[in-house]
C-alpha atoms as a PDB file:
ATOM      1  CA  MET A   1       0.041   0.118  -0.170  1.00  0.00           C
ATOM      2  CA  LEU A   2       1.397   3.180  -0.947  1.00  0.00           C
ATOM      3  CA  ALA A   3       0.083   4.965   2.501  1.00  0.00           C
ATOM      4  CA  ASN A   4       2.868   1.931   4.180  1.00  0.00           C
ATOM      5  CA  ASP A   5       5.804   2.682   1.945  1.00  0.00           C
ATOM      6  CA  LEU A   6       5.091   6.523   2.848  1.00  0.00           C
ATOM      7  CA  LEU A   7       5.173   5.924   6.672  1.00  0.00           C
ATOM      8  CA  THR A   8       7.553   4.191   5.972  1.00  0.00           C
ATOM      9  CA  ARG A   9      10.124   7.219   4.498  1.00  0.00           C
ATOM     10  CA  MET A  10       8.539   9.545   6.589  1.00  0.00           C
ATOM     11  CA  GLU A  11      10.190   7.654   9.611  1.00  0.00           C
ATOM     12  CA  GLN A  12      13.070   8.064   7.787  1.00  0.00           C
ATOM     13  CA  GLY A  13      13.337  11.697   7.744  1.00  0.00           C
ATOM     14  CA  ASP A  14      11.541  12.233   4.054  1.00  0.00           C
ATOM     15  CA  ARG A  15       9.866  15.354   3.902  1.00  0.00           C
ATOM     16  CA  ARG A  16       7.797  14.995   0.742  1.00  0.00           C
ATOM     17  CA  ALA A  17       6.629  11.748   2.357  1.00  0.00           C
ATOM     18  CA  LEU A  18       5.337  13.507   5.409  1.00  0.00           C
ATOM     19  CA  ALA A  19       3.670  16.425   2.953  1.00  0.00           C
ATOM     20  CA  ARG A  20       2.280  13.431   0.901  1.00  0.00           C
ATOM     21  CA  LEU A  21       1.039  11.807   3.870  1.00  0.00           C
ATOM     22  CA  MET A  22      -0.814  15.300   5.346  1.00  0.00           C
ATOM     23  CA  THR A  23      -2.693  15.507   1.701  1.00  0.00           C
ATOM     24  CA  LEU A  24      -3.599  12.089   2.440  1.00  0.00           C
ATOM     25  CA  VAL A  25      -4.912  13.096   5.699  1.00  0.00           C
ATOM     26  CA  GLU A  26      -7.200  16.358   4.071  1.00  0.00           C
ATOM     27  CA  ALA A  27      -8.252  13.294   1.636  1.00  0.00           C
ATOM     28  CA  ARG A  28      -9.728  10.963   3.703  1.00  0.00           C
ATOM     29  CA  PRO A  29      -9.247   7.737   2.179  1.00  0.00           C
ATOM     30  CA  PRO A  30     -10.580   4.963   3.711  1.00  0.00           C
ATOM     31  CA  GLU A  31      -7.351   3.560   4.594  1.00  0.00           C
ATOM     32  CA  ILE A  32      -6.793   6.769   6.625  1.00  0.00           C
ATOM     33  CA  TYR A  33      -7.402   5.284   9.815  1.00  0.00           C
ATOM     34  CA  ALA A  34      -4.921   2.364   9.925  1.00  0.00           C
ATOM     35  CA  VAL A  35      -2.820   4.810   8.853  1.00  0.00           C
ATOM     36  CA  MET A  36      -3.175   7.429  11.564  1.00  0.00           C
ATOM     37  CA  SER A  37      -3.082   4.556  13.994  1.00  0.00           C
ATOM     38  CA  ARG A  38       0.472   3.603  12.976  1.00  0.00           C
ATOM     39  CA  VAL A  39       1.391   7.333  13.062  1.00  0.00           C
ATOM     40  CA  ALA A  40      -0.480   7.961  16.681  1.00  0.00           C
ATOM     41  CA  ARG A  41       2.210   4.895  18.027  1.00  0.00           C
ATOM     42  CA  LEU A  42       4.972   6.892  16.726  1.00  0.00           C
ATOM     43  CA  ALA A  43       4.351   9.993  18.632  1.00  0.00           C
ATOM     44  CA  ARG A  44       6.013  11.050  21.393  1.00  0.00           C
ATOM     45  CA  GLY A  45       3.599  14.085  22.660  1.00  0.00           C
ATOM     46  CA  THR A  46       5.544  16.968  20.838  1.00  0.00           C
ATOM     47  CA  PRO A  47       4.572  20.729  22.881  1.00  0.00           C
ATOM     48  CA  ARG A  48       1.777  22.324  20.991  1.00  0.00           C
ATOM     49  CA  LEU A  49       1.951  26.292  20.894  1.00  0.00           C
ATOM     50  CA  GLY A  50      -1.555  27.624  19.972  1.00  0.00           C
ATOM     51  CA  ILE A  51      -1.369  31.102  18.175  1.00  0.00           C
ATOM     52  CA  THR A  52      -4.919  32.857  18.066  1.00  0.00           C
ATOM     53  CA  GLY A  53      -6.514  36.747  17.792  1.00  0.00           C
ATOM     54  CA  PRO A  54      -8.066  38.712  15.588  1.00  0.00           C
ATOM     55  CA  PRO A  55      -7.303  39.055  11.871  1.00  0.00           C
ATOM     56  CA  GLY A  56      -4.439  41.491  11.743  1.00  0.00           C
ATOM     57  CA  ALA A  57      -3.026  41.150  15.125  1.00  0.00           C
ATOM     58  CA  GLY A  58       0.168  40.123  13.601  1.00  0.00           C
ATOM     59  CA  LYS A  59      -0.042  36.431  14.362  1.00  0.00           C
ATOM     60  CA  SER A  60       2.439  35.101  11.709  1.00  0.00           C
ATOM     61  CA  THR A  61       4.923  37.470  12.054  1.00  0.00           C
ATOM     62  CA  LEU A  62       4.624  36.364  15.684  1.00  0.00           C
ATOM     63  CA  ILE A  63       5.169  32.533  14.638  1.00  0.00           C
ATOM     64  CA  ASP A  64       7.770  33.862  12.486  1.00  0.00           C
ATOM     65  CA  GLY A  65       9.954  35.406  15.030  1.00  0.00           C
ATOM     66  CA  LEU A  66       9.118  32.569  17.469  1.00  0.00           C
ATOM     67  CA  ILE A  67      10.713  29.864  14.772  1.00  0.00           C
ATOM     68  CA  ARG A  68      13.332  32.042  14.676  1.00  0.00           C
ATOM     69  CA  LEU A  69      14.495  32.295  17.895  1.00  0.00           C
ATOM     70  CA  LEU A  70      13.515  28.590  18.536  1.00  0.00           C
ATOM     71  CA  ARG A  71      15.711  28.010  15.797  1.00  0.00           C
ATOM     72  CA  GLY A  72      18.575  29.738  17.505  1.00  0.00           C
ATOM     73  CA  ARG A  73      18.632  27.221  20.283  1.00  0.00           C
ATOM     74  CA  GLY A  74      18.590  23.823  18.027  1.00  0.00           C
ATOM     75  CA  LYS A  75      14.749  22.944  17.823  1.00  0.00           C
ATOM     76  CA  THR A  76      13.213  21.877  15.183  1.00  0.00           C
ATOM     77  CA  ILE A  77       9.811  23.334  14.177  1.00  0.00           C
ATOM     78  CA  GLY A  78       6.127  22.060  12.679  1.00  0.00           C
ATOM     79  CA  ALA A  79       3.867  24.890  12.006  1.00  0.00           C
ATOM     80  CA  VAL A  80       0.598  24.623  11.014  1.00  0.00           C
ATOM     81  CA  VAL A  81      -1.266  27.801   9.677  1.00  0.00           C
ATOM     82  CA  ILE A  82      -5.259  27.646   9.042  1.00  0.00           C
ATOM     83  CA  ASP A  83      -6.340  29.728   6.551  1.00  0.00           C
ATOM     84  CA  PRO A  84      -9.776  30.911   5.148  1.00  0.00           C
ATOM     85  CA  SER A  85     -11.150  28.059   3.079  1.00  0.00           C
ATOM     86  CA  SER A  86     -11.241  28.737  -0.955  1.00  0.00           C
ATOM     87  CA  PRO A  87     -15.124  28.917  -1.801  1.00  0.00           C
ATOM     88  CA  PHE A  88     -14.306  27.187  -5.196  1.00  0.00           C
ATOM     89  CA  SER A  89     -11.184  24.399  -3.872  1.00  0.00           C
ATOM     90  CA  GLY A  90     -11.517  24.315  -0.120  1.00  0.00           C
ATOM     91  CA  GLY A  91      -8.125  24.537   0.103  1.00  0.00           C
ATOM     92  CA  ALA A  92      -6.338  27.588   1.970  1.00  0.00           C
ATOM     93  CA  VAL A  93      -6.618  30.978   0.661  1.00  0.00           C
ATOM     94  CA  LEU A  94      -3.334  31.568   2.489  1.00  0.00           C
ATOM     95  CA  GLY A  95      -0.874  29.207   1.599  1.00  0.00           C
ATOM     96  CA  ASP A  96       2.500  28.410   2.815  1.00  0.00           C
ATOM     97  CA  ARG A  97       3.993  29.972  -0.182  1.00  0.00           C
ATOM     98  CA  VAL A  98       3.684  33.405   1.127  1.00  0.00           C
ATOM     99  CA  ARG A  99       3.549  32.746   4.462  1.00  0.00           C
ATOM    100  CA  MET A 100       7.051  33.458   6.289  1.00  0.00           C
ATOM    101  CA  GLN A 101       9.341  32.781   3.544  1.00  0.00           C
ATOM    102  CA  ASP A 102      12.333  33.162   5.139  1.00  0.00           C
ATOM    103  CA  HIS A 103      12.288  29.151   6.731  1.00  0.00           C
ATOM    104  CA  ALA A 104      11.352  28.084   3.591  1.00  0.00           C
ATOM    105  CA  VAL A 105      14.509  26.144   2.916  1.00  0.00           C
ATOM    106  CA  ASP A 106      15.133  25.814   6.180  1.00  0.00           C
ATOM    107  CA  PRO A 107      15.549  21.896   6.832  1.00  0.00           C
ATOM    108  CA  GLY A 108      14.418  22.194  10.466  1.00  0.00           C
ATOM    109  CA  VAL A 109      11.574  23.671   9.756  1.00  0.00           C
ATOM    110  CA  PHE A 110       7.822  22.397   8.130  1.00  0.00           C
ATOM    111  CA  ILE A 111       5.481  24.995   7.387  1.00  0.00           C
ATOM    112  CA  ARG A 112       1.569  23.423   6.257  1.00  0.00           C
ATOM    113  CA  SER A 113      -1.294  25.140   5.568  1.00  0.00           C
ATOM    114  CA  LEU A 114      -4.514  23.994   6.016  1.00  0.00           C
ATOM    115  CA  GLY A 115      -7.823  25.795   4.789  1.00  0.00           C
ATOM    116  CA  SER A 116     -10.616  25.791   7.897  1.00  0.00           C
ATOM    117  CA  ARG A 117     -12.950  24.255   5.437  1.00  0.00           C
ATOM    118  CA  GLY A 118     -16.102  25.829   7.002  1.00  0.00           C
ATOM    119  CA  SER A 119     -15.315  25.155  10.722  1.00  0.00           C
ATOM    120  CA  HIS A 120     -16.289  27.743  13.190  1.00  0.00           C
ATOM    121  CA  GLY A 121     -13.920  27.023  15.569  1.00  0.00           C
ATOM    122  CA  GLY A 122     -11.030  28.626  14.371  1.00  0.00           C
ATOM    123  CA  ILE A 123      -9.115  25.451  13.261  1.00  0.00           C
ATOM    124  CA  SER A 124      -9.472  22.760  10.676  1.00  0.00           C
ATOM    125  CA  ARG A 125     -10.377  19.252  10.939  1.00  0.00           C
ATOM    126  CA  ALA A 126      -7.526  18.040  10.028  1.00  0.00           C
ATOM    127  CA  THR A 127      -5.362  20.290  12.584  1.00  0.00           C
ATOM    128  CA  MET A 128      -4.735  17.688  14.982  1.00  0.00           C
ATOM    129  CA  GLU A 129      -3.791  14.812  12.536  1.00  0.00           C
ATOM    130  CA  VAL A 130      -1.127  17.183  11.120  1.00  0.00           C
ATOM    131  CA  ALA A 131      -0.138  17.825  14.296  1.00  0.00           C
ATOM    132  CA  LEU A 132       0.071  14.383  15.160  1.00  0.00           C
ATOM    133  CA  LEU A 133       2.115  13.614  11.850  1.00  0.00           C
ATOM    134  CA  LEU A 134       4.461  16.124  12.892  1.00  0.00           C
ATOM    135  CA  ASP A 135       5.038  15.004  16.458  1.00  0.00           C
ATOM    136  CA  ALA A 136       6.035  11.297  14.961  1.00  0.00           C
ATOM    137  CA  PHE A 137       8.344  13.079  12.421  1.00  0.00           C
ATOM    138  CA  GLY A 138      10.315  13.822  15.648  1.00  0.00           C
ATOM    139  CA  MET A 139       9.998  18.099  15.625  1.00  0.00           C
ATOM    140  CA  ASP A 140      10.878  19.181  18.888  1.00  0.00           C
ATOM    141  CA  GLU A 141       7.868  21.962  18.708  1.00  0.00           C
ATOM    142  CA  ILE A 142       4.582  22.232  16.920  1.00  0.00           C
ATOM    143  CA  LEU A 143       3.224  25.594  16.521  1.00  0.00           C
ATOM    144  CA  ILE A 144      -0.710  26.378  15.819  1.00  0.00           C
ATOM    145  CA  GLU A 145      -1.770  29.277  14.451  1.00  0.00           C
ATOM    146  CA  THR A 146      -5.310  29.464  13.632  1.00  0.00           C
ATOM    147  CA  VAL A 147      -7.821  31.880  11.442  1.00  0.00           C
ATOM    148  CA  GLY A 148      -8.935  34.189  14.025  1.00  0.00           C
ATOM    149  CA  VAL A 149     -10.961  34.342  17.447  1.00  0.00           C
ATOM    150  CA  GLY A 150     -14.408  35.020  17.924  1.00  0.00           C
ATOM    151  CA  GLN A 151     -17.446  33.903  20.140  1.00  0.00           C
ATOM    152  CA  THR A 152     -17.491  30.865  18.387  1.00  0.00           C
ATOM    153  CA  GLU A 153     -13.559  30.527  17.846  1.00  0.00           C
ATOM    154  CA  LEU A 154     -12.252  28.702  20.764  1.00  0.00           C
ATOM    155  CA  ASP A 155     -11.268  25.140  19.450  1.00  0.00           C
ATOM    156  CA  ILE A 156      -7.536  25.563  19.860  1.00  0.00           C
ATOM    157  CA  MET A 157      -7.805  25.317  23.879  1.00  0.00           C
ATOM    158  CA  GLY A 158      -8.629  21.707  23.382  1.00  0.00           C
ATOM    159  CA  ILE A 159      -5.677  20.988  21.010  1.00  0.00           C
ATOM    160  CA  ALA A 160      -2.885  22.959  22.278  1.00  0.00           C
ATOM    161  CA  ASP A 161      -0.896  22.851  25.999  1.00  0.00           C
ATOM    162  CA  THR A 162      -0.543  26.312  25.614  1.00  0.00           C
ATOM    163  CA  THR A 163      -2.697  29.047  24.046  1.00  0.00           C
ATOM    164  CA  VAL A 164      -1.276  32.658  23.260  1.00  0.00           C
ATOM    165  CA  VAL A 165      -3.814  34.855  22.453  1.00  0.00           C
ATOM    166  CA  VAL A 166      -2.420  37.933  20.462  1.00  0.00           C
ATOM    167  CA  LEU A 167      -4.163  41.221  20.262  1.00  0.00           C
ATOM    168  CA  VAL A 168      -3.330  44.641  18.724  1.00  0.00           C
ATOM    169  CA  PRO A 169      -3.893  48.183  21.074  1.00  0.00           C
ATOM    170  CA  GLU A 170      -6.620  49.117  19.049  1.00  0.00           C
ATOM    171  CA  ALA A 171      -9.063  45.746  20.048  1.00  0.00           C
ATOM    172  CA  GLY A 172     -10.720  47.113  22.331  1.00  0.00           C
ATOM    173  CA  ASP A 173     -13.624  46.621  21.060  1.00  0.00           C
ATOM    174  CA  THR A 174     -12.677  42.699  20.478  1.00  0.00           C
ATOM    175  CA  VAL A 175     -11.801  42.482  23.996  1.00  0.00           C
ATOM    176  CA  GLN A 176     -15.238  43.631  25.237  1.00  0.00           C
ATOM    177  CA  THR A 177     -17.194  41.317  22.550  1.00  0.00           C
ATOM    178  CA  LEU A 178     -14.722  37.751  23.608  1.00  0.00           C
ATOM    179  CA  LYS A 179     -14.637  38.557  27.417  1.00  0.00           C
ATOM    180  CA  ALA A 180     -15.296  35.128  29.079  1.00  0.00           C
ATOM    181  CA  GLY A 181     -14.416  33.105  26.131  1.00  0.00           C
ATOM    182  CA  LEU A 182     -11.030  35.127  25.860  1.00  0.00           C
ATOM    183  CA  MET A 183     -10.240  34.623  29.207  1.00  0.00           C
ATOM    184  CA  GLU A 184     -10.791  31.314  29.508  1.00  0.00           C
ATOM    185  CA  ILE A 185      -8.582  30.297  25.824  1.00  0.00           C
ATOM    186  CA  GLY A 186      -5.612  32.405  27.198  1.00  0.00           C
ATOM    187  CA  ASP A 187      -2.469  30.930  28.780  1.00  0.00           C
ATOM    188  CA  ILE A 188      -0.565  34.098  27.914  1.00  0.00           C
ATOM    189  CA  PHE A 189      -1.562  37.453  26.161  1.00  0.00           C
ATOM    190  CA  VAL A 190       0.539  39.440  23.946  1.00  0.00           C
ATOM    191  CA  VAL A 191      -0.406  42.812  23.473  1.00  0.00           C
ATOM    192  CA  ASN A 192       0.882  43.341  19.854  1.00  0.00           C
ATOM    193  CA  LYS A 193       2.777  46.069  17.801  1.00  0.00           C
ATOM    194  CA  ALA A 194       3.120  47.726  21.151  1.00  0.00           C
ATOM    195  CA  ASP A 195       4.711  50.987  19.396  1.00  0.00           C
ATOM    196  CA  ARG A 196       1.277  51.868  18.294  1.00  0.00           C
ATOM    197  CA  GLU A 197      -0.755  54.317  20.769  1.00  0.00           C
ATOM    198  CA  GLY A 198      -2.377  52.920  23.435  1.00  0.00           C
ATOM    199  CA  ALA A 199      -0.820  49.678  24.050  1.00  0.00           C
ATOM    200  CA  LEU A 200       0.195  50.319  27.491  1.00  0.00           C
ATOM    201  CA  ARG A 201      -4.061  50.966  28.407  1.00  0.00           C
ATOM    202  CA  MET A 202      -4.547  47.919  26.364  1.00  0.00           C
ATOM    203  CA  ALA A 203      -2.060  45.803  28.260  1.00  0.00           C
ATOM    204  CA  ALA A 204      -3.741  47.123  31.709  1.00  0.00           C
ATOM    205  CA  GLU A 205      -7.730  46.309  30.598  1.00  0.00           C
ATOM    206  CA  LEU A 206      -6.251  42.797  30.103  1.00  0.00           C
ATOM    207  CA  ARG A 207      -4.491  42.500  33.037  1.00  0.00           C
ATOM    208  CA  ALA A 208      -7.788  43.833  35.300  1.00  0.00           C
ATOM    209  CA  MET A 209      -9.911  41.617  33.185  1.00  0.00           C
ATOM    210  CA  VAL A 210      -7.520  38.633  33.905  1.00  0.00           C
ATOM    211  CA  GLU A 211      -7.912  39.486  37.706  1.00  0.00           C
ATOM    212  CA  GLN A 212     -11.470  39.507  37.910  1.00  0.00           C
ATOM    213  CA  THR A 213     -12.463  36.919  35.638  1.00  0.00           C
ATOM    214  CA  PRO A 214     -13.372  33.654  37.324  1.00  0.00           C
ATOM    215  CA  SER A 215     -11.337  30.652  35.665  1.00  0.00           C
ATOM    216  CA  PRO A 216     -11.016  26.703  36.491  1.00  0.00           C
ATOM    217  CA  LYS A 217      -7.268  27.150  35.556  1.00  0.00           C
ATOM    218  CA  SER A 218      -4.849  27.717  38.409  1.00  0.00           C
ATOM    219  CA  TRP A 219      -2.330  29.333  36.249  1.00  0.00           C
ATOM    220  CA  SER A 220      -2.348  33.260  36.203  1.00  0.00           C
ATOM    221  CA  ALA A 221      -1.813  34.482  32.731  1.00  0.00           C
ATOM    222  CA  PRO A 222       0.723  36.938  32.063  1.00  0.00           C
ATOM    223  CA  VAL A 223      -0.439  39.646  29.998  1.00  0.00           C
ATOM    224  CA  LEU A 224       3.098  41.080  27.520  1.00  0.00           C
ATOM    225  CA  LEU A 225       4.087  43.729  25.089  1.00  0.00           C
ATOM    226  CA  ALA A 226       6.061  42.976  21.914  1.00  0.00           C
ATOM    227  CA  SER A 227       6.360  44.033  18.508  1.00  0.00           C
ATOM    228  CA  ALA A 228       7.233  41.385  16.590  1.00  0.00           C
ATOM    229  CA  ARG A 229       8.170  43.161  13.109  1.00  0.00           C
ATOM    230  CA  GLU A 230      10.795  44.323  15.122  1.00  0.00           C
ATOM    231  CA  GLY A 231      11.443  41.154  17.586  1.00  0.00           C
ATOM    232  CA  GLN A 232      10.927  42.834  20.607  1.00  0.00           C
ATOM    233  CA  GLY A 233       9.164  40.981  23.443  1.00  0.00           C
ATOM    234  CA  LEU A 234       9.808  37.702  21.668  1.00  0.00           C
ATOM    235  CA  GLU A 235      12.598  36.676  24.162  1.00  0.00           C
ATOM    236  CA  GLU A 236      10.354  37.371  27.427  1.00  0.00           C
ATOM    237  CA  LEU A 237       7.342  35.475  25.099  1.00  0.00           C
ATOM    238  CA  LEU A 238       9.172  32.266  24.964  1.00  0.00           C
ATOM    239  CA  GLU A 239       9.795  32.628  28.694  1.00  0.00           C
ATOM    240  CA  ALA A 240       6.492  33.124  29.328  1.00  0.00           C
ATOM    241  CA  ILE A 241       5.390  29.795  27.808  1.00  0.00           C
ATOM    242  CA  VAL A 242       7.999  27.716  28.889  1.00  0.00           C
ATOM    243  CA  GLY A 243       7.211  29.068  32.586  1.00  0.00           C
ATOM    244  CA  HIS A 244       3.729  27.751  31.733  1.00  0.00           C
ATOM    245  CA  ARG A 245       4.794  24.197  30.497  1.00  0.00           C
ATOM    246  CA  GLN A 246       7.025  24.235  33.438  1.00  0.00           C
ATOM    247  CA  TYR A 247       3.995  24.886  35.915  1.00  0.00           C
ATOM    248  CA  MET A 248       1.349  22.699  34.127  1.00  0.00           C
ATOM    249  CA  SER A 249       3.931  19.444  34.193  1.00  0.00           C
ATOM    250  CA  ASP A 250       3.067  18.421  37.661  1.00  0.00           C
ATOM    251  CA  ARG A 251      -0.410  19.966  38.182  1.00  0.00           C
ATOM    252  CA  PRO A 252      -3.680  18.065  37.903  1.00  0.00           C
ATOM    253  CA  GLU A 253      -5.206  19.804  35.047  1.00  0.00           C
ATOM    254  CA  ALA A 254      -2.070  18.323  32.628  1.00  0.00           C
ATOM    255  CA  GLU A 255      -3.294  15.163  33.113  1.00  0.00           C
ATOM    256  CA  ALA A 256      -7.270  16.269  32.804  1.00  0.00           C
ATOM    257  CA  PHE A 257      -5.936  17.811  29.528  1.00  0.00           C
ATOM    258  CA  ARG A 258      -4.322  14.667  28.051  1.00  0.00           C
ATOM    259  CA  ARG A 259      -7.217  12.556  28.733  1.00  0.00           C
ATOM    260  CA  ASN A 260      -9.938  15.237  27.689  1.00  0.00           C
ATOM    261  CA  PHE A 261      -7.703  15.760  24.366  1.00  0.00           C
ATOM    262  CA  HIS A 262      -7.529  11.934  23.465  1.00  0.00           C
ATOM    263  CA  ARG A 263     -11.299  12.056  24.020  1.00  0.00           C
ATOM    264  CA  ARG A 264     -12.159  14.908  21.965  1.00  0.00           C
ATOM    265  CA  GLN A 265      -9.830  13.216  19.079  1.00  0.00           C
ATOM    266  CA  LEU A 266     -11.865  10.381  19.733  1.00  0.00           C
ATOM    267  CA  ILE A 267     -15.299  12.316  19.343  1.00  0.00           C
ATOM    268  CA  GLU A 268     -13.633  13.926  16.187  1.00  0.00           C
ATOM    269  CA  ILE A 269     -13.007  11.346  14.643  1.00  0.00           C
ATOM    270  CA  ILE A 270     -16.257   9.616  14.555  1.00  0.00           C
ATOM    271  CA  LEU A 271     -18.113  12.543  14.003  1.00  0.00           C
ATOM    272  CA  ALA A 272     -16.000  13.092  10.980  1.00  0.00           C
ATOM    273  CA  GLU A 273     -16.604   9.423   9.715  1.00  0.00           C
ATOM    274  CA  LEU A 274     -20.184   9.281  10.047  1.00  0.00           C
ATOM    275  CA  GLY A 275     -20.698  12.671   8.462  1.00  0.00           C
ATOM    276  CA  MET A 276     -18.774  11.306   5.209  1.00  0.00           C
ATOM    277  CA  ARG A 277     -20.625   8.305   4.906  1.00  0.00           C
ATOM    278  CA  LEU A 278     -24.248   9.758   5.141  1.00  0.00           C
ATOM    279  CA  ASP A 279     -23.257  12.077   2.474  1.00  0.00           C
ATOM    280  CA  ALA A 280     -21.679  10.047   0.120  1.00  0.00           C
ATOM    281  CA  ASN A 281     -24.600   7.336   0.448  1.00  0.00           C
ATOM    282  CA  PRO A 282     -27.197   7.895  -2.584  1.00  0.00           C
ATOM    283  CA  ALA A 283     -30.412   6.556  -0.494  1.00  0.00           C
ATOM    284  CA  ALA A 284     -29.806  10.165   1.487  1.00  0.00           C
ATOM    285  CA  GLU A 285     -30.271  12.060  -1.360  1.00  0.00           C
ATOM    286  CA  ALA A 286     -34.211  11.646  -0.873  1.00  0.00           C
ATOM    287  CA  ILE A 287     -33.512  13.263   2.812  1.00  0.00           C
ATOM    288  CA  TYR A 288     -31.138  16.140   1.656  1.00  0.00           C
ATOM    289  CA  GLU A 289     -33.494  17.209  -1.240  1.00  0.00           C
ATOM    290  CA  ARG A 290     -36.508  17.628   1.264  1.00  0.00           C
ATOM    291  CA  VAL A 291     -34.433  20.036   3.368  1.00  0.00           C
ATOM    292  CA  MET A 292     -32.528  21.258   0.397  1.00  0.00           C
ATOM    293  CA  ALA A 293     -36.606  22.035  -1.446  1.00  0.00           C
ATOM    294  CA  GLY A 294     -37.666  24.012   2.205  1.00  0.00           C
ATOM    295  CA  ALA A 295     -40.391  20.588   2.843  1.00  0.00           C
ATOM    296  CA  GLN A 296     -38.450  19.464   5.823  1.00  0.00           C
ATOM    297  CA  ASP A 297     -36.085  21.714   7.936  1.00  0.00           C
ATOM    298  CA  PRO A 298     -32.886  20.315   8.800  1.00  0.00           C
ATOM    299  CA  TYR A 299     -33.543  19.663  12.606  1.00  0.00           C
ATOM    300  CA  ALA A 300     -36.702  17.959  12.316  1.00  0.00           C
ATOM    301  CA  ALA A 301     -34.951  15.557   9.208  1.00  0.00           C
ATOM    302  CA  ALA A 302     -31.919  14.635  12.093  1.00  0.00           C
ATOM    303  CA  ALA A 303     -34.638  13.976  14.762  1.00  0.00           C
ATOM    304  CA  GLU A 304     -36.735  11.588  12.206  1.00  0.00           C
ATOM    305  CA  LEU A 305     -33.118   9.854  11.841  1.00  0.00           C
ATOM    306  CA  LEU A 306     -32.051  10.086  15.383  1.00  0.00           C
ATOM    307  CA  THR A 307     -35.417   8.370  16.396  1.00  0.00           C
ATOM    308  CA  ASP A 308     -35.262   5.620  13.584  1.00  0.00           C
ATOM    309  CA  PRO A 309     -31.528   3.405  14.414  1.00  0.00           C
ATOM    310  CA  ALA A 310     -32.359   1.017  12.147  1.00  0.00           C
ATOM    311  CA  ARG A 311     -32.641   3.924   9.174  1.00  0.00           C
ATOM    312  CA  LEU A 312     -29.994   5.404  10.318  1.00  0.00           C
ATOM    313  CA  ALA A 313     -27.315   2.363  10.575  1.00  0.00           C
ATOM    314  CA  GLU A 314     -28.573   1.778   6.963  1.00  0.00           C
ATOM    315  CA  LEU A 315     -27.488   5.198   5.912  1.00  0.00           C
ATOM    316  CA  LEU A 316     -24.033   5.094   7.717  1.00  0.00           C
ATOM    317  CA  ARG A 317     -23.465   1.790   6.262  1.00  0.00           C
ATOM    318  CA  LEU A 318     -21.814   2.774   2.928  1.00  0.00           C
ATOM    319  CA  ARG A 319     -18.309   4.024   2.734  1.00  0.00           C
ATOM    320  CA  ARG A 320     -16.815   5.628  -0.278  1.00  0.00           C
END
């Protein structure tokens, strides 16, 4: 099987095989579960750093600076960049060819762009699997950048060990809108483009919100100032990331996160597979047609299937 050959080559350090396996993950052929099962056994538990924040906050520039800093310390880096999907191809609108060009020829860095494919959580469905591939490949650090952050775009907290929320001095309205969700996902807050007016005020507002917002986390999230384009504040950010990891390493929350991550992974795998099976079964077309014609709303159609297990099982049996 081609996938087995690709896996063997990936284990030997073949970057092209790694890239082809990532493409396979996005295409989701029937053998994907056997492939990813083998990949999961190879994974070592590489730390995953999530970078999120509103569009224009400078997330990519910040990641670019972190990669440069980590490479200077001899670390190998895998970066997953989630971009808006093309409405035509489903692929990433902004690909890795136009991102972080300075690292394109560095053998110690592997950058992969993924389309969000309509996900409202700011990440792609394939994100966990691509990160797992980078882990199995032997990368020392995995960085994940989301499309943006909003009321529903909080999924990164379920994937990353440490989540950095990047904001800019002008993002006051964004902070007021997000509040509770923003406080929950952030392990570290960065006010980027700190040379602009209002940066100190923004940082002070964030610190006040961190102190006033009840959180299930025992970690108190620091608020840092940075200017990623100028390379300022990146050393302090990296120290905070390392500090968070060290703090969490012996906390009960770390074990809870690991358990919840695997639980979430299982649920995502099952839901994705069931969705594809239902979508691929011609016998379901009559249901789709009723919904699309307005003869039945999606909730009623779903309720009808869920209360008829035999019918639902029949529709889910077909695999592409």
